[in-house]
Amino acid sequence: TVHIQARAAGTVAPIYAAGITVCVADGTTRSSVNVALDQERPVAGVSITGYSDASGFHPALPCGDFNKGVTIHGTFDITDNVGVGPYGLALEPSGTVIVAVDPASTATHVFGTWTVATAALPPCGYVVHLTAWDVAIVDCGTRWRDDATVGFCLRTPA
């Protein structure tokens, strides 16, 4: 928790005394602090790179058809000018969480890989949904957010 007090002056209003800023995370106190303003949402991207089966890895394109039983592979990428906050990948409509991360860093670029094993899934159309937030405080508690999706069809092998 960071408490920030500001000194305000006006021609009519009284001058308010500035207090001490307490930085609880590292236990220090300061009388001034730099605040980064962020008016930009993060940029999220997700893609399918291929699938694997008993014969190995095979490249694939987004929105492709896959046989039930394969493992689908993909990548995700998030950038933000101030810092990437929590993010998660989920498989819809099943609601299965693929990746869920709540980092405590100010990294401006986060990327990684994901997989979905399809053996237990019923044949259907699916979407891998990436939701990414940044570390900005917007409207007293929310954050800037971006979403990205990629779809595929799961079929019963012929």
Protein backbone atom coordinates (compact mmCIF):
# COMPACT_ATOMS: atom_id res chain seq x y z
CA THR A 1 0.00 0.00 0.00
CA VAL A 2 1.30 3.44 -0.93
CA HIS A 3 -0.19 6.57 0.64
CA ILE A 4 0.35 9.75 -1.34
CA GLN A 5 -0.48 13.18 0.01
CA ALA A 6 -0.30 16.20 -2.24
CA ARG A 7 0.17 19.86 -1.49
CA ALA A 8 -2.44 22.05 -3.14
CA ALA A 9 -2.44 25.84 -3.35
CA GLY A 10 -5.03 28.22 -4.71
CA THR A 11 -6.00 31.85 -4.55
CA VAL A 12 -9.10 31.14 -2.46
CA ALA A 13 -8.46 27.77 -0.84
CA PRO A 14 -6.00 27.43 2.03
CA ILE A 15 -2.61 25.78 1.51
CA TYR A 16 -2.59 22.20 2.74
CA ALA A 17 0.60 20.93 4.30
CA ALA A 18 2.29 18.04 2.54
CA GLY A 19 2.76 14.94 4.64
CA ILE A 20 5.14 12.05 4.49
CA THR A 21 4.66 9.39 1.84
CA VAL A 22 4.95 5.94 3.37
CA CYS A 23 6.16 3.22 1.03
CA VAL A 24 5.04 0.13 2.91
CA ALA A 25 6.43 -2.34 0.38
CA ASP A 26 10.06 -1.47 1.18
CA GLY A 27 9.50 0.13 4.60
CA THR A 28 10.91 3.54 3.67
CA THR A 29 9.35 6.98 3.99
CA ARG A 30 9.68 9.83 1.54
CA SER A 31 8.43 13.38 1.23
CA SER A 32 8.19 13.11 -2.56
CA VAL A 33 7.46 10.34 -5.03
CA ASN A 34 7.39 10.06 -8.82
CA VAL A 35 4.04 9.07 -10.27
CA ALA A 36 3.78 7.75 -13.84
CA LEU A 37 0.58 8.67 -15.66
CA ASP A 38 -0.80 6.02 -17.96
CA GLN A 39 -3.54 6.72 -20.48
CA GLU A 40 -2.92 3.61 -22.61
CA ARG A 41 -4.33 0.13 -22.34
CA PRO A 42 -1.96 -2.84 -22.50
CA VAL A 43 -1.72 -4.62 -25.85
CA ALA A 44 -2.50 -8.34 -25.67
CA GLY A 45 -1.99 -10.99 -28.33
CA VAL A 46 -2.55 -14.76 -28.43
CA SER A 47 -1.91 -17.27 -31.21
CA ILE A 48 -1.92 -20.97 -32.04
CA THR A 49 1.48 -22.23 -33.21
CA GLY A 50 0.75 -25.92 -33.70
CA TYR A 51 -0.35 -29.21 -32.23
CA SER A 52 1.31 -32.40 -31.11
CA ASP A 53 0.18 -36.00 -31.36
CA ALA A 54 1.85 -39.42 -31.24
CA SER A 55 3.88 -38.59 -34.37
CA GLY A 56 5.31 -35.29 -33.02
CA PHE A 57 4.76 -31.56 -33.40
CA HIS A 58 2.94 -30.08 -36.41
CA PRO A 59 2.60 -26.37 -37.29
CA ALA A 60 -0.95 -25.04 -37.42
CA LEU A 61 -2.86 -21.85 -38.12
CA PRO A 62 -5.41 -20.05 -35.93
CA CYS A 63 -9.07 -21.05 -36.37
CA GLY A 64 -8.07 -24.49 -37.63
CA ASP A 65 -9.67 -27.88 -37.13
CA PHE A 66 -7.98 -30.32 -34.76
CA ASN A 67 -8.72 -33.96 -33.96
CA LYS A 68 -9.75 -34.76 -30.42
CA GLY A 69 -6.79 -36.13 -28.48
CA VAL A 70 -4.07 -33.77 -29.71
CA THR A 71 -2.35 -31.13 -27.60
CA ILE A 72 -2.70 -27.63 -29.03
CA HIS A 73 0.24 -25.24 -28.52
CA GLY A 74 0.33 -21.45 -28.66
CA THR A 75 1.97 -18.25 -27.53
CA PHE A 76 0.82 -15.07 -25.82
CA ASP A 77 2.32 -11.60 -25.66
CA ILE A 78 1.45 -8.53 -23.55
CA THR A 79 3.07 -5.08 -23.65
CA ASP A 80 2.33 -1.94 -21.67
CA ASN A 81 4.23 1.35 -21.43
CA VAL A 82 4.14 1.41 -17.59
CA GLY A 83 3.89 -2.23 -16.53
CA VAL A 84 1.98 -5.44 -17.14
CA GLY A 85 -0.27 -6.42 -14.26
CA PRO A 86 -2.34 -9.58 -13.76
CA TYR A 87 -3.19 -11.69 -16.79
CA GLY A 88 -4.81 -14.98 -17.58
CA LEU A 89 -5.68 -17.35 -20.37
CA ALA A 90 -8.89 -19.37 -20.27
CA LEU A 91 -10.47 -21.90 -22.59
CA GLU A 92 -14.06 -21.01 -23.50
CA PRO A 93 -16.74 -22.32 -23.30
CA SER A 94 -15.27 -24.86 -20.84
CA GLY A 95 -14.00 -22.17 -18.43
CA THR A 96 -10.75 -24.09 -17.93
CA VAL A 97 -7.93 -21.80 -16.76
CA ILE A 98 -4.84 -22.30 -18.91
CA VAL A 99 -2.59 -19.67 -17.29
CA ALA A 100 -3.34 -17.28 -14.41
CA VAL A 101 -0.64 -14.87 -13.21
CA ASP A 102 -0.73 -11.90 -10.85
CA PRO A 103 2.83 -10.55 -11.13
CA ALA A 104 4.22 -8.01 -8.70
CA SER A 105 6.55 -6.42 -11.23
CA THR A 106 6.64 -3.46 -13.56
CA ALA A 107 7.83 -5.46 -16.58
CA THR A 108 6.62 -3.73 -19.72
CA HIS A 109 6.67 -6.92 -21.83
CA VAL A 110 5.45 -10.37 -20.82
CA PHE A 111 5.25 -13.37 -23.13
CA GLY A 112 5.03 -17.12 -22.90
CA THR A 113 3.61 -20.35 -24.21
CA TRP A 114 0.45 -22.29 -23.45
CA THR A 115 -0.97 -25.74 -24.21
CA VAL A 116 -4.42 -27.32 -24.20
CA ALA A 117 -4.74 -31.10 -23.96
CA THR A 118 -7.92 -32.06 -25.83
CA ALA A 119 -8.40 -35.74 -24.91
CA ALA A 120 -11.06 -34.97 -22.26
CA LEU A 121 -12.79 -32.19 -24.21
CA PRO A 122 -15.98 -32.81 -26.20
CA PRO A 123 -15.94 -31.92 -29.91
CA CYS A 124 -16.91 -28.24 -30.15
CA GLY A 125 -15.72 -24.81 -31.19
CA TYR A 126 -13.37 -23.29 -28.61
CA VAL A 127 -11.72 -19.94 -27.93
CA VAL A 128 -8.50 -19.30 -26.02
CA HIS A 129 -9.16 -15.95 -24.30
CA LEU A 130 -6.29 -13.81 -22.99
CA THR A 131 -7.24 -11.06 -20.54
CA ALA A 132 -4.47 -8.62 -19.56
CA TRP A 133 -4.45 -5.71 -17.14
CA ASP A 134 -1.74 -3.15 -16.51
CA VAL A 135 -0.56 -1.70 -13.19
CA ALA A 136 -2.28 1.69 -13.56
CA ILE A 137 -4.99 2.80 -11.16
CA VAL A 138 -8.01 3.94 -13.17
CA ASP A 139 -11.16 5.42 -11.60
CA CYS A 140 -10.14 4.63 -8.01
CA GLY A 141 -9.60 0.92 -8.31
CA THR A 142 -9.93 -0.54 -11.80
CA ARG A 143 -7.07 -0.97 -14.27
CA TRP A 144 -6.57 -0.59 -18.00
CA ARG A 145 -7.44 -3.89 -19.72
CA ASP A 146 -7.12 -5.58 -23.11
CA ASP A 147 -8.41 -8.90 -24.41
CA ALA A 148 -7.27 -11.12 -27.26
CA THR A 149 -8.75 -14.37 -28.55
CA VAL A 150 -7.95 -17.18 -30.94
CA GLY A 151 -10.34 -19.95 -31.88
CA PHE A 152 -10.25 -23.55 -33.05
CA CYS A 153 -12.63 -26.44 -33.77
CA LEU A 154 -12.19 -29.80 -32.08
CA ARG A 155 -13.47 -32.72 -34.15
CA THR A 156 -13.90 -36.43 -33.59
CA PRO A 157 -11.24 -38.24 -35.66
CA ALA A 158 -12.68 -39.84 -38.80
